[in-house]
C-alpha atoms as a PDB file:
ATOM      1  CA  MET A   1     -48.495   7.096 -20.456  1.00  0.00           C
ATOM      2  CA  PRO A   2     -46.969  10.248 -18.883  1.00  0.00           C
ATOM      3  CA  ALA A   3     -42.840  10.957 -18.174  1.00  0.00           C
ATOM      4  CA  THR A   4     -44.032  10.800 -14.247  1.00  0.00           C
ATOM      5  CA  ALA A   5     -46.490   8.009 -12.997  1.00  0.00           C
ATOM      6  CA  GLU A   6     -48.320   8.542  -9.691  1.00  0.00           C
ATOM      7  CA  ALA A   7     -47.502   6.641  -6.993  1.00  0.00           C
ATOM      8  CA  PRO A   8     -50.265   4.383  -5.561  1.00  0.00           C
ATOM      9  CA  THR A   9     -52.097   5.437  -3.189  1.00  0.00           C
ATOM     10  CA  LEU A  10     -52.072   3.456   0.541  1.00  0.00           C
ATOM     11  CA  PRO A  11     -55.429   2.754   2.211  1.00  0.00           C
ATOM     12  CA  LEU A  12     -55.387   5.124   5.113  1.00  0.00           C
ATOM     13  CA  ARG A  13     -55.284   1.761   7.476  1.00  0.00           C
ATOM     14  CA  VAL A  14     -51.750   1.429   6.057  1.00  0.00           C
ATOM     15  CA  ARG A  15     -50.865   5.382   6.669  1.00  0.00           C
ATOM     16  CA  ILE A  16     -52.328   5.071   9.816  1.00  0.00           C
ATOM     17  CA  GLY A  17     -50.091   1.924  10.795  1.00  0.00           C
ATOM     18  CA  ILE A  18     -46.830   3.240   9.345  1.00  0.00           C
ATOM     19  CA  ALA A  19     -47.308   6.658  11.274  1.00  0.00           C
ATOM     20  CA  ILE A  20     -47.879   5.297  15.031  1.00  0.00           C
ATOM     21  CA  THR A  21     -45.173   3.030  14.174  1.00  0.00           C
ATOM     22  CA  SER A  22     -42.568   5.757  13.556  1.00  0.00           C
ATOM     23  CA  ALA A  23     -44.123   7.526  16.434  1.00  0.00           C
ATOM     24  CA  SER A  24     -44.002   4.595  18.629  1.00  0.00           C
ATOM     25  CA  ALA A  25     -39.954   4.191  17.202  1.00  0.00           C
ATOM     26  CA  THR A  26     -39.340   7.874  17.760  1.00  0.00           C
ATOM     27  CA  ILE A  27     -40.615   7.484  21.505  1.00  0.00           C
ATOM     28  CA  ALA A  28     -38.257   4.506  22.374  1.00  0.00           C
ATOM     29  CA  LEU A  29     -35.204   6.027  20.224  1.00  0.00           C
ATOM     30  CA  VAL A  30     -36.367   9.369  22.444  1.00  0.00           C
ATOM     31  CA  TYR A  31     -36.379   7.555  25.406  1.00  0.00           C
ATOM     32  CA  ALA A  32     -32.884   5.530  25.076  1.00  0.00           C
ATOM     33  CA  VAL A  33     -31.096   8.060  23.710  1.00  0.00           C
ATOM     34  CA  ILE A  34     -32.021  10.968  26.809  1.00  0.00           C
ATOM     35  CA  ARG A  35     -31.282   7.963  29.526  1.00  0.00           C
ATOM     36  CA  VAL A  36     -28.132   7.534  28.376  1.00  0.00           C
ATOM     37  CA  VAL A  37     -27.742  11.147  27.966  1.00  0.00           C
ATOM     38  CA  GLN A  38     -28.792  11.551  31.845  1.00  0.00           C
ATOM     39  CA  ALA A  39     -26.388   9.014  32.533  1.00  0.00           C
ATOM     40  CA  VAL A  40     -23.912  10.168  31.326  1.00  0.00           C
ATOM     41  CA  PHE A  41     -23.837  14.219  32.097  1.00  0.00           C
ATOM     42  CA  TYR A  42     -26.468  14.191  35.037  1.00  0.00           C
ATOM     43  CA  PRO A  43     -25.697  10.759  37.285  1.00  0.00           C
ATOM     44  CA  GLU A  44     -28.361  10.523  39.367  1.00  0.00           C
ATOM     45  CA  GLY A  45     -28.973  10.694  42.948  1.00  0.00           C
ATOM     46  CA  ASP A  46     -30.999   7.883  45.937  1.00  0.00           C
ATOM     47  CA  PRO A  47     -33.545   5.668  43.895  1.00  0.00           C
ATOM     48  CA  ALA A  48     -35.585   6.053  46.700  1.00  0.00           C
ATOM     49  CA  LEU A  49     -36.060   9.780  46.299  1.00  0.00           C
ATOM     50  CA  VAL A  50     -36.642   9.431  42.992  1.00  0.00           C
ATOM     51  CA  VAL A  51     -39.058   6.762  42.587  1.00  0.00           C
ATOM     52  CA  TRP A  52     -41.299   8.646  45.048  1.00  0.00           C
ATOM     53  CA  SER A  53     -40.340  12.600  43.831  1.00  0.00           C
ATOM     54  CA  PRO A  54     -43.142  13.982  41.610  1.00  0.00           C
ATOM     55  CA  ARG A  55     -40.589  14.579  38.658  1.00  0.00           C
ATOM     56  CA  ALA A  56     -38.980  11.131  38.221  1.00  0.00           C
ATOM     57  CA  ALA A  57     -37.148  10.319  35.656  1.00  0.00           C
ATOM     58  CA  MET A  58     -38.532   8.206  34.044  1.00  0.00           C
ATOM     59  CA  PHE A  59     -41.641   9.858  33.449  1.00  0.00           C
ATOM     60  CA  TRP A  60     -40.198  12.727  31.771  1.00  0.00           C
ATOM     61  CA  ARG A  61     -38.422  10.920  29.999  1.00  0.00           C
ATOM     62  CA  PHE A  62     -41.773   9.318  28.374  1.00  0.00           C
ATOM     63  CA  TRP A  63     -43.337  11.983  27.862  1.00  0.00           C
ATOM     64  CA  ILE A  64     -41.106  13.804  26.078  1.00  0.00           C
ATOM     65  CA  GLY A  65     -40.832  10.916  24.174  1.00  0.00           C
ATOM     66  CA  VAL A  66     -44.901  11.224  23.538  1.00  0.00           C
ATOM     67  CA  TYR A  67     -44.101  14.406  22.333  1.00  0.00           C
ATOM     68  CA  ILE A  68     -41.036  13.855  19.885  1.00  0.00           C
ATOM     69  CA  GLY A  69     -43.407  11.199  18.531  1.00  0.00           C
ATOM     70  CA  GLY A  70     -46.042  13.050  17.611  1.00  0.00           C
ATOM     71  CA  GLY A  71     -44.821  15.307  15.505  1.00  0.00           C
ATOM     72  CA  ILE A  72     -42.784  12.240  13.085  1.00  0.00           C
ATOM     73  CA  GLY A  73     -45.971  10.459  13.719  1.00  0.00           C
ATOM     74  CA  LEU A  74     -47.502  13.534  11.732  1.00  0.00           C
ATOM     75  CA  GLY A  75     -44.798  13.174   9.705  1.00  0.00           C
ATOM     76  CA  ALA A  76     -44.374  10.109   8.437  1.00  0.00           C
ATOM     77  CA  TYR A  77     -48.562  10.142   7.823  1.00  0.00           C
ATOM     78  CA  ALA A  78     -47.888  12.524   5.437  1.00  0.00           C
ATOM     79  CA  LEU A  79     -44.770  11.263   4.081  1.00  0.00           C
ATOM     80  CA  ALA A  80     -47.169   7.447   3.277  1.00  0.00           C
ATOM     81  CA  THR A  81     -49.618  10.030   1.863  1.00  0.00           C
ATOM     82  CA  ARG A  82     -47.185  11.357  -0.895  1.00  0.00           C
ATOM     83  CA  ALA A  83     -44.423   8.918  -1.330  1.00  0.00           C
ATOM     84  CA  PRO A  84     -45.404   5.831   0.397  1.00  0.00           C
ATOM     85  CA  LEU A  85     -42.284   3.947  -0.343  1.00  0.00           C
ATOM     86  CA  HIS A  86     -40.008   6.113   0.904  1.00  0.00           C
ATOM     87  CA  ALA A  87     -42.189   6.607   4.241  1.00  0.00           C
ATOM     88  CA  ALA A  88     -42.006   2.775   4.470  1.00  0.00           C
ATOM     89  CA  ARG A  89     -38.052   2.436   4.328  1.00  0.00           C
ATOM     90  CA  TRP A  90     -37.528   5.343   6.849  1.00  0.00           C
ATOM     91  CA  THR A  91     -39.824   3.510   8.919  1.00  0.00           C
ATOM     92  CA  TYR A  92     -38.279   0.169   8.854  1.00  0.00           C
ATOM     93  CA  VAL A  93     -35.172   2.309   9.067  1.00  0.00           C
ATOM     94  CA  LEU A  94     -36.469   3.522  12.583  1.00  0.00           C
ATOM     95  CA  VAL A  95     -37.742   0.828  14.312  1.00  0.00           C
ATOM     96  CA  TRP A  96     -34.523  -0.969  13.788  1.00  0.00           C
ATOM     97  CA  ALA A  97     -32.613   2.172  15.174  1.00  0.00           C
ATOM     98  CA  SER A  98     -35.154   1.984  17.677  1.00  0.00           C
ATOM     99  CA  VAL A  99     -34.697  -1.763  18.627  1.00  0.00           C
ATOM    100  CA  ILE A 100     -30.848  -1.182  18.857  1.00  0.00           C
ATOM    101  CA  ALA A 101     -31.219   2.267  21.126  1.00  0.00           C
ATOM    102  CA  ILE A 102     -33.473   0.629  23.483  1.00  0.00           C
ATOM    103  CA  THR A 103     -31.097  -2.695  23.829  1.00  0.00           C
ATOM    104  CA  SER A 104     -28.102  -1.342  23.987  1.00  0.00           C
ATOM    105  CA  GLN A 105     -29.821   1.254  27.054  1.00  0.00           C
ATOM    106  CA  GLY A 106     -30.778  -1.355  28.690  1.00  0.00           C
ATOM    107  CA  ILE A 107     -27.723  -3.261  28.950  1.00  0.00           C
ATOM    108  CA  LEU A 108     -25.608  -0.384  29.217  1.00  0.00           C
ATOM    109  CA  VAL A 109     -27.146   2.018  31.197  1.00  0.00           C
ATOM    110  CA  PRO A 110     -29.821   0.025  32.937  1.00  0.00           C
END
């Protein structure tokens, strides 16, 4: 038996699941962080004007999260291929961080 044992390879659907979960959690986390930063440093204007604006902040916060989440999802897929246990642990931590962040943001900065 070799001194370093190889990690078991995860099935493709599990690696894709880890990637999608990581990307989705990142979207929620980034959205919450940007929302809090905008609320603290850039107070919002009249809601009637913001709703009808083609550049609504909610829209852009979401798409920034999708952009960053896509990169994190690709990284999570690569990590799940090379180190499945680490990928599962980081996905678990990321999901809980996003749950706490988006819940806190929703309660404190609606």
